[in-house]
Amino acid sequence: MRRMRRRLVALAAIGLALVLATAAAAATFTPSLGSPNDKRIHTGAISLKVKAPNAKNVDVWVNRSHRLKHGALVECIQSQKGCAVEEMKPWKHHPGWFIYTAPRFSFSGYWATTPGRYYWQAESFAKVPPCQYVTNGNCTFLTRIGHFNVTG
């Protein structure tokens, strides 16, 4: 009886270790939103920052609407409607961080110059499993959806 109990405890410990190792591996690849999440910012050259360790590239979606499709912001590429999909660049001297600085456009509806509440989400791509999703042979990881307020 004792021998059986020891085996069960040993198997439970091994199972727990595997679950924790998988969760830790996934956590090292999961991106997270940096600034300006949950903040008010002034119109102009706005910088969006995302921490995405082990990512080879990161895209950011900005949208005026909080509409979702399969857990992600609905992709919108019509910038006059207050949305954009942009590729972020690695942030120099900040390993694991990516940055996108909006250009100084001033046309009506452009998210960086039009006051209002905006939602944003980042998607990182890596060739290392475990994956949330697989897109074109790459592992895809999504951040949670954040927001920021652009003020005039």
Protein backbone atom coordinates (compact mmCIF):
# COMPACT_ATOMS: atom_id res chain seq x y z
CA MET A 1 0.00 0.00 0.00
CA ARG A 2 2.79 2.43 0.88
CA ARG A 3 4.63 1.60 -2.32
CA MET A 4 1.52 2.40 -4.36
CA ARG A 5 1.06 5.70 -2.52
CA ARG A 6 4.70 6.67 -3.21
CA ARG A 7 4.28 5.90 -6.89
CA LEU A 8 1.12 8.00 -7.08
CA VAL A 9 2.84 10.91 -5.31
CA ALA A 10 5.84 10.57 -7.65
CA LEU A 11 3.60 10.51 -10.72
CA ALA A 12 1.65 13.53 -9.47
CA ALA A 13 4.92 15.42 -8.88
CA ILE A 14 6.15 14.61 -12.39
CA GLY A 15 2.81 15.68 -13.89
CA LEU A 16 2.88 18.95 -11.96
CA ALA A 17 6.46 19.61 -13.06
CA LEU A 18 5.50 19.09 -16.71
CA VAL A 19 2.52 21.43 -16.42
CA LEU A 20 4.63 24.13 -14.75
CA ALA A 21 7.43 23.75 -17.33
CA THR A 22 4.94 24.14 -20.20
CA ALA A 23 3.37 27.20 -18.57
CA ALA A 24 6.82 28.74 -17.97
CA ALA A 25 7.84 28.12 -21.60
CA ALA A 26 4.64 29.72 -22.87
CA ALA A 27 5.11 32.69 -20.53
CA THR A 28 8.56 33.43 -21.97
CA PHE A 29 7.06 33.82 -25.45
CA THR A 30 3.85 35.66 -24.56
CA PRO A 31 4.03 39.37 -25.43
CA SER A 32 2.67 42.09 -23.17
CA LEU A 33 1.62 45.68 -23.79
CA GLY A 34 3.90 48.42 -22.52
CA SER A 35 3.16 52.12 -22.70
CA PRO A 36 0.82 53.95 -23.25
CA ASN A 37 -1.57 51.28 -22.02
CA ASP A 38 -4.46 52.62 -19.90
CA LYS A 39 -3.11 56.20 -20.17
CA ARG A 40 -4.02 59.55 -21.67
CA ILE A 41 -1.61 60.85 -24.29
CA HIS A 42 -1.46 64.00 -26.42
CA THR A 43 -1.90 63.99 -30.18
CA GLY A 44 1.22 63.89 -32.32
CA ALA A 45 4.11 61.44 -32.48
CA ILE A 46 2.81 58.65 -30.24
CA SER A 47 5.03 55.68 -29.41
CA LEU A 48 3.57 52.25 -28.72
CA LYS A 49 5.81 49.79 -26.85
CA VAL A 50 5.42 46.03 -26.49
CA LYS A 51 7.53 43.53 -24.56
CA ALA A 52 7.87 40.41 -26.71
CA PRO A 53 10.80 38.21 -25.69
CA ASN A 54 12.00 35.74 -28.31
CA ALA A 55 9.88 37.32 -31.07
CA LYS A 56 11.30 37.79 -34.52
CA ASN A 57 8.73 40.41 -35.46
CA VAL A 58 5.67 42.08 -33.91
CA ASP A 59 2.59 43.71 -35.45
CA VAL A 60 0.35 46.12 -33.58
CA TRP A 61 -3.35 46.73 -34.26
CA VAL A 62 -4.94 50.03 -33.29
CA ASN A 63 -8.69 50.33 -33.58
CA ARG A 64 -11.36 52.78 -32.50
CA SER A 65 -13.78 49.88 -32.03
CA HIS A 66 -13.52 47.10 -29.45
CA ARG A 67 -15.04 44.54 -31.86
CA LEU A 68 -13.48 41.09 -31.57
CA LYS A 69 -13.13 38.13 -33.89
CA HIS A 70 -11.72 34.90 -32.42
CA GLY A 71 -10.33 36.77 -29.39
CA ALA A 72 -8.50 39.40 -31.45
CA LEU A 73 -9.37 42.93 -32.48
CA VAL A 74 -11.08 43.02 -35.86
CA GLU A 75 -8.41 43.90 -38.39
CA CYS A 76 -9.04 47.27 -39.99
CA ILE A 77 -6.66 48.99 -42.41
CA GLN A 78 -8.62 52.13 -43.23
CA SER A 79 -6.69 54.78 -41.34
CA GLN A 80 -9.33 57.46 -41.97
CA LYS A 81 -11.64 55.34 -39.76
CA GLY A 82 -9.21 55.54 -36.85
CA CYS A 83 -7.48 52.20 -37.17
CA ALA A 84 -4.18 50.78 -38.37
CA VAL A 85 -2.05 47.65 -38.52
CA GLU A 86 1.65 48.44 -38.28
CA GLU A 87 4.87 46.47 -38.01
CA MET A 88 6.89 47.32 -34.91
CA LYS A 89 10.68 47.55 -34.86
CA PRO A 90 13.05 46.19 -32.22
CA TRP A 91 13.73 48.95 -29.69
CA LYS A 92 17.47 49.69 -29.62
CA HIS A 93 19.19 49.07 -26.29
CA HIS A 94 16.01 47.45 -24.89
CA PRO A 95 16.28 43.68 -25.47
CA GLY A 96 12.93 41.96 -25.91
CA TRP A 97 11.07 45.24 -26.53
CA PHE A 98 9.50 46.48 -29.77
CA ILE A 99 8.42 50.04 -30.59
CA TYR A 100 6.25 51.79 -33.14
CA THR A 101 6.26 55.59 -33.40
CA ALA A 102 3.37 57.03 -35.37
CA PRO A 103 4.35 59.48 -38.12
CA ARG A 104 3.16 63.06 -37.87
CA PHE A 105 0.26 62.77 -40.31
CA SER A 106 -2.57 65.23 -39.75
CA PHE A 107 -5.46 64.00 -41.89
CA SER A 108 -8.94 63.68 -40.41
CA GLY A 109 -9.58 60.43 -38.55
CA TYR A 110 -5.92 59.40 -38.18
CA TRP A 111 -5.67 57.75 -34.74
CA ALA A 112 -2.53 59.59 -33.57
CA THR A 113 -4.02 63.03 -34.24
CA THR A 114 -7.74 62.47 -33.63
CA PRO A 115 -8.85 62.61 -29.97
CA GLY A 116 -10.74 59.63 -28.63
CA ARG A 117 -10.40 56.22 -27.03
CA TYR A 118 -8.43 53.60 -28.97
CA TYR A 119 -7.96 49.89 -28.40
CA TRP A 120 -4.74 48.12 -29.26
CA GLN A 121 -3.33 44.63 -29.38
CA ALA A 122 0.03 43.20 -30.44
CA GLU A 123 0.75 39.95 -32.23
CA SER A 124 4.25 38.46 -32.12
CA PHE A 125 5.71 35.80 -34.38
CA ALA A 126 8.37 33.24 -33.45
CA LYS A 127 9.48 29.89 -34.82
CA VAL A 128 9.65 28.27 -31.40
CA PRO A 129 6.78 26.20 -29.94
CA PRO A 130 4.61 25.94 -27.84
CA CYS A 131 2.27 28.12 -29.88
CA GLN A 132 -1.05 29.81 -29.23
CA TYR A 133 -1.77 29.81 -32.96
CA VAL A 134 0.21 28.84 -36.05
CA THR A 135 0.27 31.32 -38.94
CA ASN A 136 2.30 30.53 -42.07
CA GLY A 137 4.47 28.09 -40.14
CA ASN A 138 5.24 30.62 -37.38
CA CYS A 139 4.10 30.57 -33.78
CA THR A 140 1.70 33.44 -33.15
CA PHE A 141 1.13 35.01 -29.74
CA LEU A 142 -1.44 37.71 -28.93
CA THR A 143 -1.39 40.20 -26.08
CA ARG A 144 -4.48 41.08 -24.15
CA ILE A 145 -6.43 44.04 -25.54
CA GLY A 146 -5.50 47.37 -24.01
CA HIS A 147 -6.67 50.93 -24.54
CA PHE A 148 -5.39 54.49 -24.43
CA ASN A 149 -7.01 57.92 -24.79
CA VAL A 150 -5.69 60.48 -27.25
CA THR A 151 -6.37 64.05 -26.10
CA GLY A 152 -6.11 67.23 -28.16
